[in-house]
């Protein structure tokens, strides 16, 4: 199982709306994440907008590709893009750059 962590930056003026959106994630989005291999997925948001994501999956590239192929992901990403800084034209899920794990205590 791969443990993946990534960073994104939520716009300061959109923090409350971002929290609200994630308090009510669409059921079909949750189903798609589970079906495509996203497990133990968490998002952590700091008050300055730093977003830390963590998930476990068998194959991150395959899980990303499977999500990209779903209709619900396209709708979700289009709706979420205005919440983020520095996407440079990419969707939020395309801008996720995994961090390198340097330590793990099992």
PDB file of N, CA and C in Angstrom:
ATOM      1  N   UNK A   1       0.845  -1.179   0.000  1.00  0.00           N
ATOM      2  CA  UNK A   1       0.000   0.000   0.000  1.00  0.00           C
ATOM      3  C   UNK A   1       0.888   1.240   0.000  1.00  0.00           C
ATOM      4  N   UNK A   2       0.651   2.143  -0.921  1.00  0.00           N
ATOM      5  CA  UNK A   2       1.380   3.408  -0.966  1.00  0.00           C
ATOM      6  C   UNK A   2       0.683   4.433  -0.064  1.00  0.00           C
ATOM      7  N   UNK A   3       1.471   5.168   0.697  1.00  0.00           N
ATOM      8  CA  UNK A   3       0.974   6.306   1.467  1.00  0.00           C
ATOM      9  C   UNK A   3       1.390   7.552   0.706  1.00  0.00           C
ATOM     10  N   UNK A   4       0.425   8.386   0.342  1.00  0.00           N
ATOM     11  CA  UNK A   4       0.698   9.562  -0.475  1.00  0.00           C
ATOM     12  C   UNK A   4       0.309  10.825   0.287  1.00  0.00           C
ATOM     13  N   UNK A   5       1.142  11.841   0.177  1.00  0.00           N
ATOM     14  CA  UNK A   5       0.869  13.132   0.796  1.00  0.00           C
ATOM     15  C   UNK A   5       1.149  14.197  -0.255  1.00  0.00           C
ATOM     16  N   UNK A   6       0.310  15.238  -0.279  1.00  0.00           N
ATOM     17  CA  UNK A   6       0.487  16.319  -1.236  1.00  0.00           C
ATOM     18  C   UNK A   6       0.065  17.640  -0.608  1.00  0.00           C
ATOM     19  N   UNK A   7       0.517  18.735  -1.227  1.00  0.00           N
ATOM     20  CA  UNK A   7       0.187  20.082  -0.766  1.00  0.00           C
ATOM     21  C   UNK A   7      -0.514  20.850  -1.876  1.00  0.00           C
ATOM     22  N   UNK A   8      -1.465  21.681  -1.489  1.00  0.00           N
ATOM     23  CA  UNK A   8      -2.079  22.666  -2.368  1.00  0.00           C
ATOM     24  C   UNK A   8      -2.299  23.921  -1.528  1.00  0.00           C
ATOM     25  N   UNK A   9      -2.653  25.011  -2.166  1.00  0.00           N
ATOM     26  CA  UNK A   9      -2.882  26.268  -1.447  1.00  0.00           C
ATOM     27  C   UNK A   9      -4.274  26.784  -1.778  1.00  0.00           C
ATOM     28  N   UNK A  10      -5.130  26.868  -0.736  1.00  0.00           N
ATOM     29  CA  UNK A  10      -6.481  27.404  -0.880  1.00  0.00           C
ATOM     30  C   UNK A  10      -6.410  28.916  -0.728  1.00  0.00           C
ATOM     31  N   UNK A  11      -7.147  29.614  -1.579  1.00  0.00           N
ATOM     32  CA  UNK A  11      -7.174  31.082  -1.508  1.00  0.00           C
ATOM     33  C   UNK A  11      -7.716  31.532  -0.163  1.00  0.00           C
ATOM     34  N   UNK A  12      -7.085  32.540   0.424  1.00  0.00           N
ATOM     35  CA  UNK A  12      -7.471  33.030   1.752  1.00  0.00           C
ATOM     36  C   UNK A  12      -8.920  33.491   1.809  1.00  0.00           C
ATOM     37  N   UNK A  13      -9.415  34.047   0.716  1.00  0.00           N
ATOM     38  CA  UNK A  13     -10.790  34.539   0.703  1.00  0.00           C
ATOM     39  C   UNK A  13     -11.826  33.441   0.471  1.00  0.00           C
ATOM     40  N   UNK A  14     -11.380  32.203   0.306  1.00  0.00           N
ATOM     41  CA  UNK A  14     -12.297  31.091   0.029  1.00  0.00           C
ATOM     42  C   UNK A  14     -12.241  29.985   1.084  1.00  0.00           C
ATOM     43  N   UNK A  15     -11.535  30.210   2.190  1.00  0.00           N
ATOM     44  CA  UNK A  15     -11.346  29.159   3.196  1.00  0.00           C
ATOM     45  C   UNK A  15     -12.664  28.639   3.766  1.00  0.00           C
ATOM     46  N   UNK A  16     -13.556  29.526   4.156  1.00  0.00           N
ATOM     47  CA  UNK A  16     -14.830  29.088   4.739  1.00  0.00           C
ATOM     48  C   UNK A  16     -15.657  28.305   3.733  1.00  0.00           C
ATOM     49  N   UNK A  17     -15.719  28.783   2.513  1.00  0.00           N
ATOM     50  CA  UNK A  17     -16.478  28.078   1.474  1.00  0.00           C
ATOM     51  C   UNK A  17     -15.858  26.716   1.165  1.00  0.00           C
ATOM     52  N   UNK A  18     -14.534  26.643   1.197  1.00  0.00           N
ATOM     53  CA  UNK A  18     -13.852  25.365   0.968  1.00  0.00           C
ATOM     54  C   UNK A  18     -14.230  24.361   2.064  1.00  0.00           C
ATOM     55  N   UNK A  19     -14.214  24.822   3.305  1.00  0.00           N
ATOM     56  CA  UNK A  19     -14.605  23.945   4.418  1.00  0.00           C
ATOM     57  C   UNK A  19     -16.050  23.481   4.260  1.00  0.00           C
ATOM     58  N   UNK A  20     -16.933  24.396   3.898  1.00  0.00           N
ATOM     59  CA  UNK A  20     -18.345  24.040   3.702  1.00  0.00           C
ATOM     60  C   UNK A  20     -18.508  22.998   2.595  1.00  0.00           C
ATOM     61  N   UNK A  21     -17.793  23.184   1.502  1.00  0.00           N
ATOM     62  CA  UNK A  21     -17.891  22.238   0.373  1.00  0.00           C
ATOM     63  C   UNK A  21     -17.474  20.838   0.811  1.00  0.00           C
ATOM     64  N   UNK A  22     -16.453  20.764   1.670  1.00  0.00           N
ATOM     65  CA  UNK A  22     -15.970  19.451   2.103  1.00  0.00           C
ATOM     66  C   UNK A  22     -16.756  18.872   3.273  1.00  0.00           C
ATOM     67  N   UNK A  23     -17.601  19.659   3.880  1.00  0.00           N
ATOM     68  CA  UNK A  23     -18.509  19.139   4.910  1.00  0.00           C
ATOM     69  C   UNK A  23     -19.663  18.385   4.267  1.00  0.00           C
ATOM     70  N   UNK A  24     -19.834  18.557   2.959  1.00  0.00           N
ATOM     71  CA  UNK A  24     -20.940  17.909   2.246  1.00  0.00           C
ATOM     72  C   UNK A  24     -20.474  17.433   0.868  1.00  0.00           C
ATOM     73  N   UNK A  25     -19.437  16.596   0.846  1.00  0.00           N
ATOM     74  CA  UNK A  25     -18.946  16.048  -0.423  1.00  0.00           C
ATOM     75  C   UNK A  25     -20.046  15.193  -1.037  1.00  0.00           C
ATOM     76  N   UNK A  26     -20.237  15.351  -2.338  1.00  0.00           N
ATOM     77  CA  UNK A  26     -21.289  14.612  -3.047  1.00  0.00           C
ATOM     78  C   UNK A  26     -21.141  13.108  -2.833  1.00  0.00           C
ATOM     79  N   UNK A  27     -22.234  12.414  -2.576  1.00  0.00           N
ATOM     80  CA  UNK A  27     -22.162  10.954  -2.407  1.00  0.00           C
ATOM     81  C   UNK A  27     -21.553  10.238  -3.609  1.00  0.00           C
ATOM     82  N   UNK A  28     -21.844  10.704  -4.829  1.00  0.00           N
ATOM     83  CA  UNK A  28     -21.261  10.035  -5.992  1.00  0.00           C
ATOM     84  C   UNK A  28     -19.755  10.289  -6.108  1.00  0.00           C
ATOM     85  N   UNK A  29     -19.287  11.397  -5.559  1.00  0.00           N
ATOM     86  CA  UNK A  29     -17.845  11.640  -5.527  1.00  0.00           C
ATOM     87  C   UNK A  29     -17.179  10.699  -4.525  1.00  0.00           C
ATOM     88  N   UNK A  30     -17.786  10.548  -3.351  1.00  0.00           N
ATOM     89  CA  UNK A  30     -17.261   9.613  -2.353  1.00  0.00           C
ATOM     90  C   UNK A  30     -17.221   8.192  -2.903  1.00  0.00           C
ATOM     91  N   UNK A  31     -18.288   7.787  -3.584  1.00  0.00           N
ATOM     92  CA  UNK A  31     -18.345   6.445  -4.187  1.00  0.00           C
ATOM     93  C   UNK A  31     -17.242   6.264  -5.220  1.00  0.00           C
ATOM     94  N   UNK A  32     -17.030   7.277  -6.050  1.00  0.00           N
ATOM     95  CA  UNK A  32     -16.003   7.190  -7.086  1.00  0.00           C
ATOM     96  C   UNK A  32     -14.606   7.086  -6.474  1.00  0.00           C
ATOM     97  N   UNK A  33     -14.340   7.867  -5.436  1.00  0.00           N
ATOM     98  CA  UNK A  33     -13.033   7.779  -4.775  1.00  0.00           C
ATOM     99  C   UNK A  33     -12.790   6.368  -4.241  1.00  0.00           C
ATOM    100  N   UNK A  34     -13.775   5.833  -3.559  1.00  0.00           N
ATOM    101  CA  UNK A  34     -13.628   4.468  -3.013  1.00  0.00           C
ATOM    102  C   UNK A  34     -13.438   3.448  -4.130  1.00  0.00           C
ATOM    103  N   UNK A  35     -14.232   3.557  -5.175  1.00  0.00           N
ATOM    104  CA  UNK A  35     -14.196   2.581  -6.268  1.00  0.00           C
ATOM    105  C   UNK A  35     -12.890   2.624  -7.052  1.00  0.00           C
ATOM    106  N   UNK A  36     -12.217   3.765  -7.045  1.00  0.00           N
ATOM    107  CA  UNK A  36     -10.986   3.900  -7.824  1.00  0.00           C
ATOM    108  C   UNK A  36      -9.718   3.740  -6.988  1.00  0.00           C
ATOM    109  N   UNK A  37      -9.869   3.318  -5.727  1.00  0.00           N
ATOM    110  CA  UNK A  37      -8.709   2.946  -4.934  1.00  0.00           C
ATOM    111  C   UNK A  37      -8.165   3.998  -3.994  1.00  0.00           C
ATOM    112  N   UNK A  38      -8.944   5.038  -3.672  1.00  0.00           N
ATOM    113  CA  UNK A  38      -8.523   6.057  -2.714  1.00  0.00           C
ATOM    114  C   UNK A  38      -9.007   5.623  -1.341  1.00  0.00           C
ATOM    115  N   UNK A  39      -8.090   5.329  -0.440  1.00  0.00           N
ATOM    116  CA  UNK A  39      -8.440   4.840   0.899  1.00  0.00           C
ATOM    117  C   UNK A  39      -7.803   5.737   1.965  1.00  0.00           C
ATOM    118  N   UNK A  40      -8.456   5.787   3.118  1.00  0.00           N
ATOM    119  CA  UNK A  40      -7.933   6.550   4.250  1.00  0.00           C
ATOM    120  C   UNK A  40      -7.519   7.960   3.809  1.00  0.00           C
ATOM    121  N   UNK A  41      -8.373   8.590   3.001  1.00  0.00           N
ATOM    122  CA  UNK A  41      -8.097   9.892   2.397  1.00  0.00           C
ATOM    123  C   UNK A  41      -8.506  10.999   3.356  1.00  0.00           C
ATOM    124  N   UNK A  42      -7.579  11.885   3.655  1.00  0.00           N
ATOM    125  CA  UNK A  42      -7.826  13.011   4.561  1.00  0.00           C
ATOM    126  C   UNK A  42      -7.275  14.291   3.956  1.00  0.00           C
ATOM    127  N   UNK A  43      -7.942  15.399   4.267  1.00  0.00           N
ATOM    128  CA  UNK A  43      -7.454  16.728   3.924  1.00  0.00           C
ATOM    129  C   UNK A  43      -7.342  17.526   5.211  1.00  0.00           C
ATOM    130  N   UNK A  44      -6.234  18.232   5.363  1.00  0.00           N
ATOM    131  CA  UNK A  44      -5.994  19.077   6.521  1.00  0.00           C
ATOM    132  C   UNK A  44      -5.762  20.490   6.011  1.00  0.00           C
ATOM    133  N   UNK A  45      -6.440  21.479   6.616  1.00  0.00           N
ATOM    134  CA  UNK A  45      -6.356  22.850   6.141  1.00  0.00           C
ATOM    135  C   UNK A  45      -5.862  23.768   7.252  1.00  0.00           C
ATOM    136  N   UNK A  46      -4.772  24.458   6.974  1.00  0.00           N
ATOM    137  CA  UNK A  46      -4.232  25.432   7.918  1.00  0.00           C
ATOM    138  C   UNK A  46      -4.916  26.782   7.691  1.00  0.00           C
ATOM    139  N   UNK A  47      -4.929  27.632   8.693  1.00  0.00           N
ATOM    140  CA  UNK A  47      -5.621  28.920   8.609  1.00  0.00           C
ATOM    141  C   UNK A  47      -5.080  29.839   7.513  1.00  0.00           C
ATOM    142  N   UNK A  48      -3.855  29.629   7.069  1.00  0.00           N
ATOM    143  CA  UNK A  48      -3.307  30.452   5.992  1.00  0.00           C
ATOM    144  C   UNK A  48      -3.587  29.862   4.606  1.00  0.00           C
ATOM    145  N   UNK A  49      -4.355  28.763   4.557  1.00  0.00           N
ATOM    146  CA  UNK A  49      -4.740  28.169   3.280  1.00  0.00           C
ATOM    147  C   UNK A  49      -3.904  26.984   2.849  1.00  0.00           C
ATOM    148  N   UNK A  50      -2.847  26.658   3.570  1.00  0.00           N
ATOM    149  CA  UNK A  50      -2.059  25.481   3.204  1.00  0.00           C
ATOM    150  C   UNK A  50      -2.922  24.240   3.394  1.00  0.00           C
ATOM    151  N   UNK A  51      -3.068  23.459   2.343  1.00  0.00           N
ATOM    152  CA  UNK A  51      -3.856  22.238   2.364  1.00  0.00           C
ATOM    153  C   UNK A  51      -2.911  21.050   2.249  1.00  0.00           C
ATOM    154  N   UNK A  52      -3.020  20.124   3.181  1.00  0.00           N
ATOM    155  CA  UNK A  52      -2.240  18.898   3.165  1.00  0.00           C
ATOM    156  C   UNK A  52      -3.203  17.751   2.931  1.00  0.00           C
ATOM    157  N   UNK A  53      -2.942  16.975   1.898  1.00  0.00           N
ATOM    158  CA  UNK A  53      -3.758  15.805   1.606  1.00  0.00           C
ATOM    159  C   UNK A  53      -2.974  14.540   1.875  1.00  0.00           C
ATOM    160  N   UNK A  54      -3.675  13.525   2.357  1.00  0.00           N
ATOM    161  CA  UNK A  54      -3.059  12.227   2.633  1.00  0.00           C
ATOM    162  C   UNK A  54      -4.017  11.144   2.176  1.00  0.00           C
ATOM    163  N   UNK A  55      -3.487  10.123   1.525  1.00  0.00           N
ATOM    164  CA  UNK A  55      -4.294   8.968   1.147  1.00  0.00           C
ATOM    165  C   UNK A  55      -3.423   7.735   1.064  1.00  0.00           C
ATOM    166  N   UNK A  56      -4.076   6.602   1.078  1.00  0.00           N
ATOM    167  CA  UNK A  56      -3.406   5.331   0.875  1.00  0.00           C
ATOM    168  C   UNK A  56      -4.044   4.666  -0.330  1.00  0.00           C
ATOM    169  N   UNK A  57      -3.213   4.035  -1.151  1.00  0.00           N
ATOM    170  CA  UNK A  57      -3.695   3.400  -2.368  1.00  0.00           C
ATOM    171  C   UNK A  57      -2.692   2.348  -2.824  1.00  0.00           C
ATOM    172  N   UNK A  58      -3.160   1.405  -3.575  1.00  0.00           N
ATOM    173  CA  UNK A  58      -2.257   0.386  -4.121  1.00  0.00           C
ATOM    174  C   UNK A  58      -1.331   0.977  -5.185  1.00  0.00           C
ATOM    175  N   UNK A  59      -1.862   1.895  -6.005  1.00  0.00           N
ATOM    176  CA  UNK A  59      -1.099   2.459  -7.114  1.00  0.00           C
ATOM    177  C   UNK A  59      -1.631   3.870  -7.364  1.00  0.00           C
ATOM    178  N   UNK A  60      -0.877   4.888  -6.944  1.00  0.00           N
ATOM    179  CA  UNK A  60      -1.356   6.259  -7.017  1.00  0.00           C
ATOM    180  C   UNK A  60      -1.647   6.692  -8.453  1.00  0.00           C
ATOM    181  N   UNK A  61      -0.755   6.382  -9.372  1.00  0.00           N
ATOM    182  CA  UNK A  61      -0.969   6.770 -10.773  1.00  0.00           C
ATOM    183  C   UNK A  61      -2.245   6.133 -11.317  1.00  0.00           C
ATOM    184  N   UNK A  62      -2.477   4.876 -10.994  1.00  0.00           N
ATOM    185  CA  UNK A  62      -3.688   4.192 -11.463  1.00  0.00           C
ATOM    186  C   UNK A  62      -4.934   4.774 -10.802  1.00  0.00           C
ATOM    187  N   UNK A  63      -4.845   5.111  -9.514  1.00  0.00           N
ATOM    188  CA  UNK A  63      -5.988   5.703  -8.805  1.00  0.00           C
ATOM    189  C   UNK A  63      -6.321   7.072  -9.392  1.00  0.00           C
ATOM    190  N   UNK A  64      -5.308   7.866  -9.695  1.00  0.00           N
ATOM    191  CA  UNK A  64      -5.538   9.168 -10.315  1.00  0.00           C
ATOM    192  C   UNK A  64      -6.172   9.008 -11.698  1.00  0.00           C
ATOM    193  N   UNK A  65      -5.651   8.096 -12.493  1.00  0.00           N
ATOM    194  CA  UNK A  65      -6.178   7.879 -13.843  1.00  0.00           C
ATOM    195  C   UNK A  65      -7.624   7.395 -13.798  1.00  0.00           C
ATOM    196  N   UNK A  66      -7.919   6.512 -12.862  1.00  0.00           N
ATOM    197  CA  UNK A  66      -9.284   6.000 -12.745  1.00  0.00           C
ATOM    198  C   UNK A  66     -10.250   7.115 -12.355  1.00  0.00           C
ATOM    199  N   UNK A  67      -9.835   7.986 -11.435  1.00  0.00           N
ATOM    200  CA  UNK A  67     -10.689   9.121 -11.062  1.00  0.00           C
ATOM    201  C   UNK A  67     -10.867  10.076 -12.230  1.00  0.00           C
ATOM    202  N   UNK A  68      -9.804  10.308 -12.968  1.00  0.00           N
ATOM    203  CA  UNK A  68      -9.882  11.224 -14.107  1.00  0.00           C
ATOM    204  C   UNK A  68     -10.893  10.749 -15.144  1.00  0.00           C
ATOM    205  N   UNK A  69     -11.116   9.463 -15.214  1.00  0.00           N
ATOM    206  CA  UNK A  69     -12.046   8.898 -16.190  1.00  0.00           C
ATOM    207  C   UNK A  69     -13.513   8.999 -15.762  1.00  0.00           C
ATOM    208  N   UNK A  70     -13.778   9.464 -14.533  1.00  0.00           N
ATOM    209  CA  UNK A  70     -15.162   9.549 -14.061  1.00  0.00           C
ATOM    210  C   UNK A  70     -15.781  10.903 -14.375  1.00  0.00           C
ATOM    211  N   UNK A  71     -17.072  10.901 -14.654  1.00  0.00           N
ATOM    212  CA  UNK A  71     -17.793  12.147 -14.907  1.00  0.00           C
ATOM    213  C   UNK A  71     -17.855  13.012 -13.660  1.00  0.00           C
ATOM    214  N   UNK A  72     -18.059  12.382 -12.504  1.00  0.00           N
ATOM    215  CA  UNK A  72     -18.194  13.160 -11.276  1.00  0.00           C
ATOM    216  C   UNK A  72     -16.906  13.912 -10.963  1.00  0.00           C
ATOM    217  N   UNK A  73     -15.766  13.336 -11.249  1.00  0.00           N
ATOM    218  CA  UNK A  73     -14.511  14.028 -10.983  1.00  0.00           C
ATOM    219  C   UNK A  73     -14.378  15.276 -11.834  1.00  0.00           C
ATOM    220  N   UNK A  74     -14.744  15.199 -13.095  1.00  0.00           N
ATOM    221  CA  UNK A  74     -14.669  16.376 -13.965  1.00  0.00           C
ATOM    222  C   UNK A  74     -15.534  17.510 -13.412  1.00  0.00           C
ATOM    223  N   UNK A  75     -16.732  17.184 -12.955  1.00  0.00           N
ATOM    224  CA  UNK A  75     -17.625  18.199 -12.389  1.00  0.00           C
ATOM    225  C   UNK A  75     -17.066  18.759 -11.082  1.00  0.00           C
ATOM    226  N   UNK A  76     -16.554  17.881 -10.224  1.00  0.00           N
ATOM    227  CA  UNK A  76     -16.016  18.312  -8.934  1.00  0.00           C
ATOM    228  C   UNK A  76     -14.794  19.218  -9.132  1.00  0.00           C
ATOM    229  N   UNK A  77     -13.871  18.803  -9.990  1.00  0.00           N
ATOM    230  CA  UNK A  77     -12.650  19.579 -10.211  1.00  0.00           C
ATOM    231  C   UNK A  77     -12.963  20.949 -10.808  1.00  0.00           C
ATOM    232  N   UNK A  78     -13.917  21.011 -11.719  1.00  0.00           N
ATOM    233  CA  UNK A  78     -14.295  22.296 -12.311  1.00  0.00           C
ATOM    234  C   UNK A  78     -14.859  23.230 -11.243  1.00  0.00           C
ATOM    235  N   UNK A  79     -15.640  22.680 -10.327  1.00  0.00           N
ATOM    236  CA  UNK A  79     -16.209  23.490  -9.267  1.00  0.00           C
ATOM    237  C   UNK A  79     -15.209  23.898  -8.203  1.00  0.00           C
ATOM    238  N   UNK A  80     -14.170  23.099  -8.015  1.00  0.00           N
ATOM    239  CA  UNK A  80     -13.186  23.376  -6.967  1.00  0.00           C
ATOM    240  C   UNK A  80     -12.033  24.255  -7.438  1.00  0.00           C
ATOM    241  N   UNK A  81     -11.767  24.319  -8.716  1.00  0.00           N
ATOM    242  CA  UNK A  81     -10.615  25.061  -9.227  1.00  0.00           C
ATOM    243  C   UNK A  81     -10.542  26.502  -8.723  1.00  0.00           C
ATOM    244  N   UNK A  82     -11.661  27.248  -8.636  1.00  0.00           N
ATOM    245  CA  UNK A  82     -11.561  28.640  -8.172  1.00  0.00           C
ATOM    246  C   UNK A  82     -11.125  28.790  -6.707  1.00  0.00           C
ATOM    247  N   UNK A  83     -11.094  27.720  -5.951  1.00  0.00           N
ATOM    248  CA  UNK A  83     -10.699  27.783  -4.549  1.00  0.00           C
ATOM    249  C   UNK A  83      -9.182  27.845  -4.365  1.00  0.00           C
ATOM    250  N   UNK A  84      -8.416  27.504  -5.402  1.00  0.00           N
ATOM    251  CA  UNK A  84      -6.976  27.302  -5.237  1.00  0.00           C
ATOM    252  C   UNK A  84      -6.129  28.385  -5.871  1.00  0.00           C
ATOM    253  N   UNK A  85      -4.955  28.602  -5.280  1.00  0.00           N
ATOM    254  CA  UNK A  85      -3.921  29.470  -5.830  1.00  0.00           C
ATOM    255  C   UNK A  85      -2.975  28.647  -6.693  1.00  0.00           C
ATOM    256  N   UNK A  86      -2.360  29.291  -7.646  1.00  0.00           N
ATOM    257  CA  UNK A  86      -1.216  28.750  -8.395  1.00  0.00           C
ATOM    258  C   UNK A  86      -1.475  27.415  -9.084  1.00  0.00           C
ATOM    259  N   UNK A  87      -2.612  27.268  -9.719  1.00  0.00           N
ATOM    260  CA  UNK A  87      -2.854  26.036 -10.470  1.00  0.00           C
ATOM    261  C   UNK A  87      -2.278  26.116 -11.879  1.00  0.00           C
ATOM    262  N   UNK A  88      -1.990  27.322 -12.346  1.00  0.00           N
ATOM    263  CA  UNK A  88      -1.412  27.530 -13.676  1.00  0.00           C
ATOM    264  C   UNK A  88      -2.184  26.796 -14.767  1.00  0.00           C
ATOM    265  N   UNK A  89      -3.503  26.870 -14.698  1.00  0.00           N
ATOM    266  CA  UNK A  89      -4.352  26.260 -15.714  1.00  0.00           C
ATOM    267  C   UNK A  89      -4.673  24.799 -15.488  1.00  0.00           C
ATOM    268  N   UNK A  90      -4.060  24.192 -14.515  1.00  0.00           N
ATOM    269  CA  UNK A  90      -4.322  22.774 -14.217  1.00  0.00           C
ATOM    270  C   UNK A  90      -5.534  22.645 -13.298  1.00  0.00           C
ATOM    271  N   UNK A  91      -6.155  21.491 -13.326  1.00  0.00           N
ATOM    272  CA  UNK A  91      -7.209  21.180 -12.352  1.00  0.00           C
ATOM    273  C   UNK A  91      -6.530  20.894 -11.015  1.00  0.00           C
ATOM    274  N   UNK A  92      -7.263  21.049  -9.895  1.00  0.00           N
ATOM    275  CA  UNK A  92      -6.648  20.745  -8.598  1.00  0.00           C
ATOM    276  C   UNK A  92      -6.052  19.333  -8.527  1.00  0.00           C
ATOM    277  N   UNK A  93      -6.747  18.343  -9.092  1.00  0.00           N
ATOM    278  CA  UNK A  93      -6.222  16.978  -9.015  1.00  0.00           C
ATOM    279  C   UNK A  93      -4.982  16.787  -9.880  1.00  0.00           C
ATOM    280  N   UNK A  94      -4.798  17.632 -10.889  1.00  0.00           N
ATOM    281  CA  UNK A  94      -3.588  17.574 -11.706  1.00  0.00           C
ATOM    282  C   UNK A  94      -2.420  18.286 -11.028  1.00  0.00           C
ATOM    283  N   UNK A  95      -2.721  19.222 -10.130  1.00  0.00           N
ATOM    284  CA  UNK A  95      -1.687  20.003  -9.462  1.00  0.00           C
ATOM    285  C   UNK A  95      -1.124  19.309  -8.222  1.00  0.00           C
ATOM    286  N   UNK A  96      -1.710  18.195  -7.827  1.00  0.00           N
ATOM    287  CA  UNK A  96      -1.212  17.459  -6.663  1.00  0.00           C
ATOM    288  C   UNK A  96       0.150  16.861  -6.995  1.00  0.00           C
ATOM    289  N   UNK A  97       1.162  17.286  -6.273  1.00  0.00           N
ATOM    290  CA  UNK A  97       2.504  16.746  -6.454  1.00  0.00           C
ATOM    291  C   UNK A  97       2.882  16.009  -5.183  1.00  0.00           C
ATOM    292  N   UNK A  98       2.995  14.696  -5.247  1.00  0.00           N
ATOM    293  CA  UNK A  98       3.305  13.930  -4.035  1.00  0.00           C
ATOM    294  C   UNK A  98       4.615  14.363  -3.394  1.00  0.00           C
ATOM    295  N   UNK A  99       4.606  14.385  -2.075  1.00  0.00           N
ATOM    296  CA  UNK A  99       5.807  14.636  -1.301  1.00  0.00           C
ATOM    297  C   UNK A  99       6.553  13.324  -1.108  1.00  0.00           C
ATOM    298  N   UNK A 100       7.846  13.405  -0.927  1.00  0.00           N
ATOM    299  CA  UNK A 100       8.661  12.218  -0.687  1.00  0.00           C
ATOM    300  C   UNK A 100       8.634  11.880   0.794  1.00  0.00           C
ATOM    301  N   UNK A 101       8.252  10.665   1.099  1.00  0.00           N
ATOM    302  CA  UNK A 101       8.254  10.221   2.482  1.00  0.00           C
ATOM    303  C   UNK A 101       9.684   9.987   2.932  1.00  0.00           C
ATOM    304  N   UNK A 102      10.055  10.582   4.062  1.00  0.00           N
ATOM    305  CA  UNK A 102      11.416  10.411   4.573  1.00  0.00           C
ATOM    306  C   UNK A 102      11.449   9.658   5.904  1.00  0.00           C
ATOM    307  N   UNK A 103      10.282   9.447   6.504  1.00  0.00           N
ATOM    308  CA  UNK A 103      10.210   8.694   7.756  1.00  0.00           C
ATOM    309  C   UNK A 103       8.802   8.181   7.953  1.00  0.00           C
ATOM    310  N   UNK A 104       8.695   6.977   8.514  1.00  0.00           N
ATOM    311  CA  UNK A 104       7.399   6.392   8.858  1.00  0.00           C
ATOM    312  C   UNK A 104       7.585   5.482  10.072  1.00  0.00           C
ATOM    313  N   UNK A 105       6.778   5.685  11.080  1.00  0.00           N
ATOM    314  CA  UNK A 105       6.765   4.811  12.242  1.00  0.00           C
ATOM    315  C   UNK A 105       5.516   3.955  12.163  1.00  0.00           C
ATOM    316  N   UNK A 106       5.679   2.686  11.955  1.00  0.00           N
ATOM    317  CA  UNK A 106       4.532   1.777  11.816  1.00  0.00           C
ATOM    318  C   UNK A 106       4.086   1.264  13.182  1.00  0.00           C
TER     319      UNK A 106
END
